Protein backbone atom coordinates (compact mmCIF):
# COMPACT_ATOMS: atom_id res chain seq x y z
CA MET A 1 62.91 79.81 196.15
CA ASP A 2 65.45 81.75 195.74
CA THR A 3 66.33 80.84 192.36
CA THR A 4 62.77 81.36 191.56
CA ALA A 5 62.54 85.75 193.03
CA PRO A 6 65.29 86.56 190.71
CA ARG A 7 62.73 85.35 187.19
CA ALA A 8 59.70 86.40 188.46
CA GLY A 9 61.74 90.36 188.73
CA ALA A 10 63.41 89.62 185.13
CA ALA A 11 59.64 89.05 183.81
CA LYS A 12 58.54 91.88 185.32
CA ALA A 13 61.54 94.80 184.06
CA ALA A 14 60.83 93.49 180.39
CA PRO A 15 58.14 95.90 179.85
CA ASN A 16 60.51 98.90 180.73
CA ILE A 17 62.25 98.08 177.12
CA PRO A 18 60.49 100.50 174.57
CA GLU A 19 59.14 98.71 171.75
CA PHE A 20 59.61 99.48 167.96
CA ALA A 21 57.92 98.43 164.78
CA VAL A 22 60.41 97.47 162.22
CA SER A 23 60.11 100.30 159.46
CA GLU A 24 60.94 103.11 163.23
CA ILE A 25 64.13 101.36 163.43
CA ALA A 26 65.07 101.35 159.69
CA GLY A 27 64.27 105.12 159.66
CA ALA A 28 66.37 105.67 163.21
CA ILE A 29 69.14 103.87 161.89
CA ARG A 30 68.82 106.13 158.83
CA ARG A 31 68.68 109.00 160.65
CA THR A 32 71.70 108.21 162.72
CA LEU A 33 73.75 107.59 159.72
CA GLU A 34 72.70 111.03 157.58
CA ASP A 35 73.64 112.84 160.14
CA ALA A 36 76.68 111.04 161.55
CA PHE A 37 78.40 111.04 158.08
CA GLY A 38 76.49 113.57 156.39
CA ARG A 39 78.62 113.97 152.51
CA VAL A 40 81.41 112.16 152.49
CA ARG A 41 84.00 111.02 150.18
CA VAL A 42 85.02 107.32 149.55
CA ARG A 43 88.63 105.81 148.08
CA GLY A 44 88.13 102.39 146.55
CA GLU A 45 88.19 99.92 143.77
CA ILE A 46 84.53 99.86 141.40
CA THR A 47 83.63 96.29 141.34
CA GLU A 48 80.34 94.46 140.76
CA LEU A 49 79.32 97.64 138.38
CA LYS A 50 75.90 97.17 136.67
CA ARG A 51 73.48 99.45 134.58
CA TYR A 52 69.69 98.76 134.52
CA PRO A 53 67.43 99.80 132.16
CA SER A 54 66.41 102.39 134.43
CA GLY A 55 69.25 104.24 133.68
CA HIS A 56 71.06 103.43 137.14
CA ILE A 57 74.05 102.54 138.42
CA TYR A 58 74.93 99.87 141.00
CA LEU A 59 78.28 98.65 142.07
CA SER A 60 80.74 98.28 145.10
CA LEU A 61 83.20 100.16 146.13
CA LYS A 62 86.54 97.88 147.93
CA ASP A 63 89.53 97.97 149.52
CA GLU A 64 91.85 95.23 151.10
CA ASN A 65 89.91 94.95 154.06
CA ALA A 66 86.12 96.02 153.46
CA LYS A 67 83.41 96.45 151.02
CA ILE A 68 80.74 98.92 150.52
CA GLU A 69 77.73 98.47 147.96
CA SER A 70 76.98 101.78 145.96
CA VAL A 71 74.39 103.53 143.66
CA ILE A 72 74.26 106.26 141.00
CA TRP A 73 70.99 107.37 140.31
CA LYS A 74 69.93 108.32 136.59
CA THR A 75 69.58 111.87 136.93
CA PHE A 76 73.84 112.20 138.16
CA VAL A 77 75.03 109.61 135.58
CA PRO A 78 75.56 112.33 132.93
CA ARG A 79 77.35 115.00 135.02
CA LEU A 80 79.95 112.34 135.98
CA ALA A 81 83.34 113.65 135.11
CA ILE A 82 84.23 109.83 134.10
CA LYS A 83 82.51 106.75 133.03
CA PRO A 84 82.50 104.23 135.96
CA GLU A 85 84.47 100.84 134.68
CA ASN A 86 85.21 97.69 136.87
CA GLY A 87 88.82 97.63 137.90
CA VAL A 88 89.67 101.52 138.32
CA GLU A 89 90.18 103.46 141.33
CA VAL A 90 88.18 106.32 142.03
CA ILE A 91 87.33 108.85 144.82
CA ALA A 92 83.42 108.90 144.73
CA THR A 93 81.59 111.40 146.35
CA GLY A 94 78.56 111.18 147.90
CA LYS A 95 75.91 110.28 150.99
CA ILE A 96 74.79 107.17 153.25
CA GLY A 97 71.64 105.94 153.22
CA THR A 98 69.93 102.99 153.53
CA TYR A 99 67.82 100.56 151.61
CA ALA A 100 65.21 99.08 154.50
CA ASP A 101 63.66 96.83 152.37
CA ARG A 102 67.19 94.62 153.04
CA SER A 103 68.35 96.31 156.05
CA LYS A 104 71.29 97.65 153.81
CA TYR A 105 72.99 100.51 153.89
CA GLN A 106 74.49 102.27 150.54
CA LEU A 107 76.60 104.97 149.21
CA VAL A 108 74.81 107.29 146.74
CA ILE A 109 77.36 108.90 144.48
CA ASP A 110 76.95 111.44 142.76
CA ARG A 111 80.47 112.36 142.09
CA LEU A 112 83.32 110.55 140.59
CA GLU A 113 87.10 111.10 139.83
CA TYR A 114 89.75 109.07 139.40
CA ALA A 115 92.09 108.13 142.45
CA GLY A 116 95.20 110.50 141.64
CA GLU A 117 97.12 110.61 139.05
CA GLY A 118 99.00 107.34 139.66
CA ALA A 119 95.80 105.72 138.80
CA LEU A 120 94.94 107.21 135.56
CA LEU A 121 98.53 107.40 134.45
CA ALA A 122 98.47 103.45 135.27
CA ARG A 123 95.44 102.91 133.08
CA ILE A 124 96.34 105.14 129.95
CA GLU A 125 99.95 103.89 129.77
CA THR A 126 97.84 99.99 129.39
CA LEU A 127 95.55 101.13 127.12
CA ARG A 128 98.55 102.52 124.94
CA LEU A 129 100.89 99.64 125.33
CA ARG A 130 97.70 98.04 124.10
CA LEU A 131 97.31 99.85 121.17
CA LEU A 132 100.66 100.29 120.33
CA GLY A 133 100.97 96.11 120.11
CA GLU A 134 97.58 96.31 117.23
CA GLY A 135 100.05 98.97 115.56
CA LEU A 136 97.48 101.86 115.73
CA PHE A 137 100.65 104.19 116.29
CA ALA A 138 102.68 102.46 113.57
CA PRO A 139 104.99 105.29 111.89
CA GLU A 140 104.45 103.85 108.38
CA ARG A 141 100.45 105.06 109.66
CA LYS A 142 101.51 108.73 109.24
CA ARG A 143 100.22 110.80 106.38
CA ALA A 144 101.90 114.07 104.71
CA LEU A 145 99.58 117.21 105.10
CA PRO A 146 98.40 118.70 102.50
CA VAL A 147 100.61 121.87 101.30
CA LEU A 148 97.63 124.74 100.88
CA PRO A 149 94.26 122.85 102.26
CA ARG A 150 90.56 124.57 100.71
CA VAL A 151 89.12 123.29 103.65
CA ILE A 152 89.82 122.51 107.66
CA GLY A 153 88.00 120.78 109.56
CA VAL A 154 88.16 121.42 113.33
CA VAL A 155 86.62 119.18 116.45
CA THR A 156 86.69 121.71 119.87
CA SER A 157 84.13 123.16 121.93
CA GLU A 158 82.23 125.92 119.90
CA ARG A 159 83.03 128.15 123.08
CA GLY A 160 86.48 129.10 124.39
CA ALA A 161 89.75 130.54 123.29
CA VAL A 162 90.69 127.30 120.81
CA ILE A 163 88.43 128.31 118.21
CA GLN A 164 88.99 131.74 118.10
CA ASP A 165 92.65 131.18 118.55
CA ILE A 166 92.45 128.56 115.07
CA ARG A 167 90.26 131.25 113.23
CA THR A 168 92.75 133.80 113.55
CA THR A 169 95.89 132.44 112.98
CA ILE A 170 94.57 130.99 109.59
CA ALA A 171 93.20 134.46 108.68
CA ARG A 172 96.22 136.21 109.42
CA ARG A 173 98.45 133.08 107.63
CA PHE A 174 96.33 132.45 104.36
CA PRO A 175 92.46 132.51 104.77
CA ARG A 176 90.58 129.26 104.41
CA HIS A 177 87.29 127.74 104.56
CA LEU A 178 86.49 126.24 108.22
CA LEU A 179 84.15 124.01 109.04
CA LEU A 180 83.59 123.32 112.91
CA TRP A 181 82.20 120.49 114.18
CA PRO A 182 81.49 121.31 118.26
CA VAL A 183 81.61 118.88 120.82
CA PRO A 184 82.52 119.27 124.38
CA VAL A 185 86.07 118.17 125.37
CA GLN A 186 85.52 116.86 128.91
CA GLY A 187 82.99 114.82 130.70
CA GLN A 188 80.61 112.00 130.03
CA GLY A 189 80.17 111.80 126.93
CA ALA A 190 82.37 113.58 125.88
CA ALA A 191 84.67 110.48 124.48
CA GLU A 192 81.95 109.61 122.22
CA GLN A 193 81.01 112.60 120.61
CA ILE A 194 84.74 113.63 120.02
CA ALA A 195 85.28 110.30 118.18
CA ALA A 196 81.75 110.70 116.23
CA ALA A 197 82.48 113.83 115.26
CA ILE A 198 86.15 112.30 113.78
CA ARG A 199 83.88 110.05 111.90
CA GLY A 200 81.27 112.01 110.64
CA PHE A 201 84.56 114.54 108.71
CA GLY A 202 85.49 111.33 107.03
CA ALA A 203 81.82 109.81 106.51
CA ILE A 204 81.51 113.47 104.24
CA PRO A 205 81.60 112.63 100.20
CA PRO A 206 84.53 114.43 98.48
CA ASP A 207 81.36 115.75 96.05
CA GLY A 208 78.80 116.32 97.97
CA PRO A 209 76.57 119.55 99.26
CA VAL A 210 79.15 120.39 102.17
CA PRO A 211 82.80 120.53 101.68
CA ARG A 212 84.76 117.56 102.73
CA PRO A 213 88.38 118.41 104.93
CA ASP A 214 91.12 118.53 103.67
CA VAL A 215 92.96 118.35 107.46
CA LEU A 216 91.64 117.67 110.46
CA ILE A 217 92.53 119.91 113.78
CA VAL A 218 91.27 117.91 117.45
CA ALA A 219 91.98 120.84 120.11
CA ARG A 220 91.71 121.56 123.64
CA GLY A 221 93.25 124.28 125.88
CA GLY A 222 95.24 123.07 128.72
CA GLY A 223 93.01 121.04 131.98
CA SER A 224 94.16 118.52 134.43
CA LEU A 225 94.62 114.89 133.14
CA GLU A 226 91.30 114.30 134.35
CA ASP A 227 90.41 117.26 131.98
CA LEU A 228 92.50 115.72 129.06
CA MET A 229 91.04 111.83 129.78
CA ALA A 230 88.21 111.78 126.73
CA PHE A 231 91.16 112.42 124.60
CA ASN A 232 92.96 109.04 126.42
CA GLU A 233 89.89 107.32 125.41
CA GLU A 234 90.25 104.20 123.30
CA ILE A 235 87.11 105.38 120.97
CA VAL A 236 88.99 108.58 120.69
CA VAL A 237 92.26 107.20 119.60
CA ARG A 238 90.71 104.37 117.41
CA ALA A 239 89.02 107.04 115.70
CA ALA A 240 92.06 109.50 114.95
CA ALA A 241 93.60 106.08 113.78
CA GLU A 242 91.10 105.20 110.96
CA SER A 243 90.48 108.59 110.44
CA PRO A 244 91.00 109.05 105.79
CA ILE A 245 91.57 112.61 106.31
CA PRO A 246 94.63 113.34 107.80
CA LEU A 247 94.72 114.54 111.17
CA ILE A 248 96.46 116.81 113.76
CA SER A 249 96.03 117.02 117.53
CA ALA A 250 96.26 119.63 119.62
CA VAL A 251 95.08 118.85 123.09
CA GLY A 252 96.45 120.73 126.51
CA HIS A 253 99.26 122.84 126.64
CA GLU A 254 103.17 122.12 125.27
CA THR A 255 103.58 119.89 128.03
CA ASP A 256 101.01 117.82 127.93
CA THR A 257 100.64 114.04 126.11
CA THR A 258 97.65 112.46 125.46
CA LEU A 259 96.90 109.04 123.40
CA ILE A 260 95.52 110.88 120.34
CA ASP A 261 98.61 112.51 120.22
CA PHE A 262 100.04 108.93 119.23
CA ALA A 263 97.15 108.07 117.07
CA ALA A 264 97.02 111.37 114.94
CA ASP A 265 99.28 112.33 111.66
CA ARG A 266 101.38 115.22 113.87
CA ARG A 267 101.24 116.54 117.12
CA ALA A 268 100.99 120.23 117.37
CA PRO A 269 102.07 121.59 120.98
CA THR A 270 98.63 124.40 121.14
CA PRO A 271 95.91 124.93 119.24
CA THR A 272 97.31 128.11 116.99
CA ALA A 273 100.74 125.89 116.34
CA ALA A 274 97.97 123.39 114.96
CA ALA A 275 96.56 126.41 112.42
CA GLU A 276 99.86 126.98 111.49
CA MET A 277 101.11 123.76 110.51
CA ALA A 278 97.62 122.88 108.82
CA ILE A 279 98.40 126.21 106.22
CA PRO A 280 101.27 128.00 105.05
CA ALA A 281 101.38 132.10 105.45
CA ARG A 282 100.67 133.29 102.47
CA ALA A 283 103.75 136.12 102.77
CA ASP A 284 106.37 132.92 103.06
CA LEU A 285 104.52 131.00 100.16
CA LEU A 286 105.07 134.40 98.28
CA ALA A 287 109.08 135.01 99.50
CA ASP A 288 109.46 131.16 98.21
CA LEU A 289 107.48 131.83 94.86
CA ALA A 290 109.91 134.93 94.47
CA GLN A 291 113.27 133.21 95.57
CA THR A 292 112.33 130.04 92.88
CA GLU A 293 111.65 131.83 90.14
CA ALA A 294 114.91 134.16 90.46
CA ARG A 295 116.59 130.96 90.98
CA LEU A 296 114.96 129.37 87.87
CA LEU A 297 115.57 132.56 86.15
CA GLN A 298 119.46 132.86 86.85
CA SER A 299 119.88 128.92 86.19
CA GLY A 300 118.06 129.64 82.81
CA ARG A 301 120.41 132.58 82.09
CA ALA A 302 123.59 130.34 83.05
CA LEU A 303 122.36 127.64 81.00
CA LEU A 304 121.49 130.00 77.75
CA ASP A 305 125.12 131.46 78.36
CA ARG A 306 126.83 128.18 78.31
CA ALA A 307 124.95 126.67 75.32
CA ARG A 308 126.13 130.05 73.37
CA ARG A 309 129.31 129.53 74.61
CA ARG A 310 129.26 125.80 73.47
CA LEU A 311 128.18 127.01 69.82
CA MET A 312 130.25 129.88 69.27
CA LEU A 313 133.35 127.05 70.39
CA ALA A 314 131.54 124.35 67.98
CA GLU A 315 131.59 127.24 64.85
CA ARG A 316 135.20 128.36 65.31
CA GLY A 317 135.87 124.68 64.13
CA LEU A 318 132.96 124.40 61.81
CA PRO A 319 134.18 125.06 57.34
CA ASP A 320 132.13 128.00 55.21
CA LEU A 321 129.35 125.94 54.62
CA PRO A 322 127.90 128.57 52.21
CA ASN A 323 131.10 129.07 50.38
CA LEU A 324 131.84 125.12 50.62
CA LEU A 325 128.31 124.64 49.48
CA GLY A 326 128.78 127.21 46.25
CA ALA A 327 132.10 125.10 45.86
CA LEU A 328 130.74 121.86 45.56
CA ARG A 329 127.24 122.95 43.37
CA GLN A 330 129.89 124.88 40.72
CA ARG A 331 132.44 121.60 40.94
CA LEU A 332 128.93 119.81 40.45
CA GLU A 333 127.63 121.73 37.45
CA ASP A 334 130.64 121.53 35.90
CA ARG A 335 130.82 117.98 36.10
CA GLY A 336 127.37 117.40 34.74
CA GLU A 337 128.00 119.46 31.98
CA ARG A 338 131.54 117.48 30.74
CA LEU A 339 129.50 114.17 31.47
CA ALA A 340 127.07 115.39 28.88
CA VAL A 341 129.77 116.26 26.09
CA ALA A 342 131.64 113.16 27.16
CA LEU A 343 129.20 110.33 27.21
CA PRO A 344 128.37 110.85 23.18
CA ALA A 345 132.23 111.07 22.28
CA LEU A 346 132.87 107.81 24.05
CA VAL A 347 130.33 106.02 22.33
CA GLU A 348 131.01 107.63 19.31
CA ARG A 349 134.69 106.67 19.70
CA LYS A 350 133.62 102.83 20.68
CA ARG A 351 131.23 103.05 17.30
CA GLY A 352 134.55 104.20 15.57
CA VAL A 353 136.72 101.00 16.87
CA LEU A 354 134.29 98.62 16.28
CA ALA A 355 133.37 99.71 12.90
CA ARG A 356 137.28 99.77 11.91
CA ILE A 357 137.22 96.24 14.01
CA ALA A 358 133.97 94.45 12.17
CA PRO A 359 135.93 94.02 8.57
CA ARG A 360 138.45 92.52 10.20
CA LEU A 361 136.99 90.30 11.91
CA PRO A 362 136.53 86.12 10.66
CA HIS A 363 132.57 85.23 9.50
CA PRO A 364 131.19 82.57 11.99
CA ARG A 365 131.18 80.13 9.17
CA GLU A 366 134.25 80.65 8.28
CA GLY A 367 135.25 79.50 11.90
CA ILE A 368 133.20 76.96 11.74
CA ALA A 369 134.16 75.26 8.63
CA ALA A 370 138.12 75.43 9.85
CA ARG A 371 136.83 73.33 12.45
CA ARG A 372 135.25 70.66 10.47
CA ALA A 373 138.33 70.66 8.44
CA ALA A 374 140.51 69.90 11.51
CA LEU A 375 137.99 67.70 12.95
CA GLY A 376 138.08 65.75 9.16
CA LEU A 377 141.60 65.83 9.39
CA LEU A 378 141.94 64.43 12.68
CA GLY A 379 139.74 61.80 11.65
CA GLN A 380 141.69 60.31 8.85
CA ARG A 381 144.35 60.50 10.98
CA ALA A 382 143.01 58.26 13.26
CA GLU A 383 141.75 56.06 10.79
CA GLY A 384 145.30 55.65 8.88
CA ALA A 385 146.89 55.08 12.60
CA MET A 386 144.26 52.55 13.27
CA ARG A 387 145.26 50.54 9.86
CA ARG A 388 149.05 50.95 10.29
CA GLN A 389 148.39 49.35 13.58
CA LEU A 390 146.06 46.62 11.73
CA ALA A 391 148.85 45.67 8.77
CA ARG A 392 151.60 45.21 11.42
CA GLY A 393 149.60 42.85 13.39
CA ALA A 394 150.59 43.07 17.21
CA ALA A 395 148.00 44.86 18.33
CA ALA A 396 145.41 43.34 16.08
CA PRO A 397 143.39 41.38 19.18
CA ALA A 398 143.44 44.84 21.05
CA LEU A 399 142.01 46.53 17.82
CA ALA A 400 139.76 43.74 17.19
CA ARG A 401 137.75 44.15 20.48
CA PHE A 402 137.57 47.85 19.94
CA SER A 403 134.34 49.62 18.44
CA ALA A 404 133.77 52.70 16.53
CA THR A 405 130.66 52.69 17.50
CA PRO A 406 131.12 54.68 20.98
CA VAL A 407 133.20 56.88 18.87
CA ALA A 408 130.78 57.65 16.01
CA ALA A 409 127.95 58.44 19.21
CA LEU A 410 130.10 60.72 20.77
CA ALA A 411 131.08 63.00 17.00
CA ARG A 412 127.24 62.76 16.80
CA GLU A 413 127.07 64.93 19.99
CA LYS A 414 129.59 67.10 20.21
CA ARG A 415 129.04 67.92 16.19
CA ALA A 416 125.11 68.24 17.34
CA ARG A 417 125.76 70.91 20.53
CA LEU A 418 128.05 72.21 17.62
CA GLU A 419 125.92 73.35 15.61
CA GLY A 420 123.78 74.71 18.85
CA LEU A 421 126.22 77.03 19.05
CA VAL A 422 126.65 77.99 15.42
CA ALA A 423 123.27 78.60 14.65
CA ARG A 424 123.04 80.63 18.03
CA LEU A 425 126.18 82.86 16.98
CA GLU A 426 125.38 83.42 13.75
CA GLY A 427 121.74 84.49 15.16
CA VAL A 428 123.63 87.57 16.91
CA SER A 429 126.09 88.36 14.91
CA TYR A 430 125.92 91.33 12.93
CA GLN A 431 126.46 89.72 9.19
CA ALA A 432 123.03 87.86 10.21
CA VAL A 433 121.57 91.15 10.29
CA LEU A 434 122.86 92.66 7.17
CA ALA A 435 121.74 89.17 5.50
CA ARG A 436 117.92 90.13 6.99
CA GLY A 437 117.98 93.37 4.96
CA PHE A 438 119.64 95.92 7.13
CA ALA A 439 122.53 98.06 5.89
CA PHE A 440 125.56 99.01 8.21
CA VAL A 441 126.21 102.67 7.25
CA ALA A 442 129.55 104.70 7.94
CA ASP A 443 131.16 107.90 6.82
CA ALA A 444 133.90 108.00 4.23
CA GLU A 445 136.75 106.99 7.43
CA GLY A 446 134.63 103.90 8.61
CA THR A 447 132.48 106.16 11.26
CA PRO A 448 129.65 104.47 12.27
CA LEU A 449 126.57 107.18 11.12
CA ALA A 450 123.57 106.36 13.75
CA SER A 451 121.09 109.35 12.73
CA ALA A 452 119.63 110.88 9.82
CA ALA A 453 120.54 114.31 11.33
CA ALA A 454 124.27 113.57 11.75
CA VAL A 455 124.97 113.22 7.95
CA PRO A 456 125.28 116.59 6.12
CA PRO A 457 124.26 116.94 2.32
CA GLY A 458 127.46 116.19 0.03
CA GLU A 459 128.48 113.56 2.59
CA ARG A 460 130.26 110.43 0.78
CA LEU A 461 128.43 107.48 2.64
CA VAL A 462 129.74 103.75 2.63
CA LEU A 463 126.91 101.17 3.19
CA THR A 464 127.83 97.53 3.96
CA PHE A 465 125.74 95.19 2.86
CA ALA A 466 125.70 90.86 3.50
CA ASP A 467 126.76 90.53 0.17
CA GLY A 468 129.81 93.67 -0.02
CA GLN A 469 130.19 97.23 0.14
CA VAL A 470 128.16 100.61 -2.26
CA ARG A 471 129.73 103.46 -1.80
CA ALA A 472 127.07 106.77 -1.86
CA THR A 473 126.46 110.24 -1.90
CA ALA A 474 123.97 112.05 0.96
CA GLU A 475 121.58 114.12 -0.64
CA GLY A 476 119.84 115.27 2.54
CA ALA A 477 116.90 114.48 5.02
CA LYS A 478 113.21 115.32 3.46
CA ALA A 479 110.88 117.64 4.78
CA THR A 480 108.34 115.84 6.17
CA ARG A 481 111.28 113.17 7.82
CA ARG A 482 112.92 116.46 8.82
CA LYS A 483 109.56 117.60 10.91
CA ARG A 484 108.93 113.98 12.36
CA GLU A 485 112.70 113.87 14.00
CA ASP A 486 111.98 117.36 15.67
CA GLY A 487 108.84 116.12 17.03
CA GLU A 488 110.20 113.12 18.38
CA GLN A 489 113.65 115.43 19.87
CA ASP A 490 110.46 117.56 21.34
CA GLN A 491 108.67 115.30 22.80
CA GLY A 492 112.02 113.66 23.97
CA ALA A 493 112.58 117.24 25.75
CA LEU A 494 109.19 117.32 27.22
CA LEU A 495 109.79 113.41 28.35
């Protein structure tokens, strides 16, 4: 009895506990959480990140001991300052909510930021080392900037002091055509638009309707590390490294460093310095030109002076060319006149010597007859010697074996050769010429006369024929013959 009484009492006490519907208890839990926590900031590492086609982002935040599921509605995704990625430690701002269908609570995030500069710097350093290993920051990739670009492209925000500083600096130094590609310089999607602007400038054709920039300036003003994170994104760094146009980075203040500074061809500490780096000052160019002109003129004058001094020194060592040429010309004319007179005189002297020697020269027939007589004498002497030997009888056996046939053949051969030489000699001798009807004309002293003009009237002549000499007296040349000779002389003068 004692044991059943309490049980009966317990059964009777059950109706005093209120009953709740599932939706009621879920709503009560949601209100309790919202009232207890309200708006919170949670620090943790992003994990299990998922993007849905609807635009919502689901993720979890974890630390060493716990994990909380979170969601970012699509209306807040474009407003995020950073791009959520797995493994990044962030501080999420939002409110605690519940998902009644699965009896779960979650953090509804409307703002994300990196959890301190240490995490940001670690992420940046990791990306820097990876890109450095790929060679994107190699010094040999750096290109020289054009000396005087025609068009300067600028990638920055269209609002703010950056673009105004660049415009003012370029207008002051050397007015050039500016081409602005406006982009947001921080916030969600800024990195993608900056990279698209760099690639867009590089895709402009050189001869298209829109002028292609000769140099690019990617700039923004100063800010915190989180504000400059768009220029530390991989997509921006790769776009800067692949740009076909030389690029100057001018992000933040002089102490700020971003990854685009390593990939750019030149880094400027400020946007104003980037404009000064992109274009030279007109006054400086004019001063350099004036200085170069002065140096060129001075060098030209010095070169001319040195050449003039060398010419003067060389002139002192040279002879008087006009006088030297005059003397040589006079000597040449004198030698020419003497040669014109000496050559005919020499020919006349040689002819006289030949005429004096010619009568004393023996006729070839006389020489041939003398040789024939000597040959006959030698033959008789040889025949006599042979007979004497035969008469003695001592050499009879040897002489019996001797035959005169080879000797006779050799004699005939020599005689035929001698007769051929005699015929050739007689053919070229002057006696043979005289035998053909010609005569050798000389004056009384024996000087040969080669032309009728050299024979004055009344001159005593000696005419040598093949069979003797005849003396004659010249009566003078006929008129017709004299005219013909004059014509020949004129023709020779013309030739």
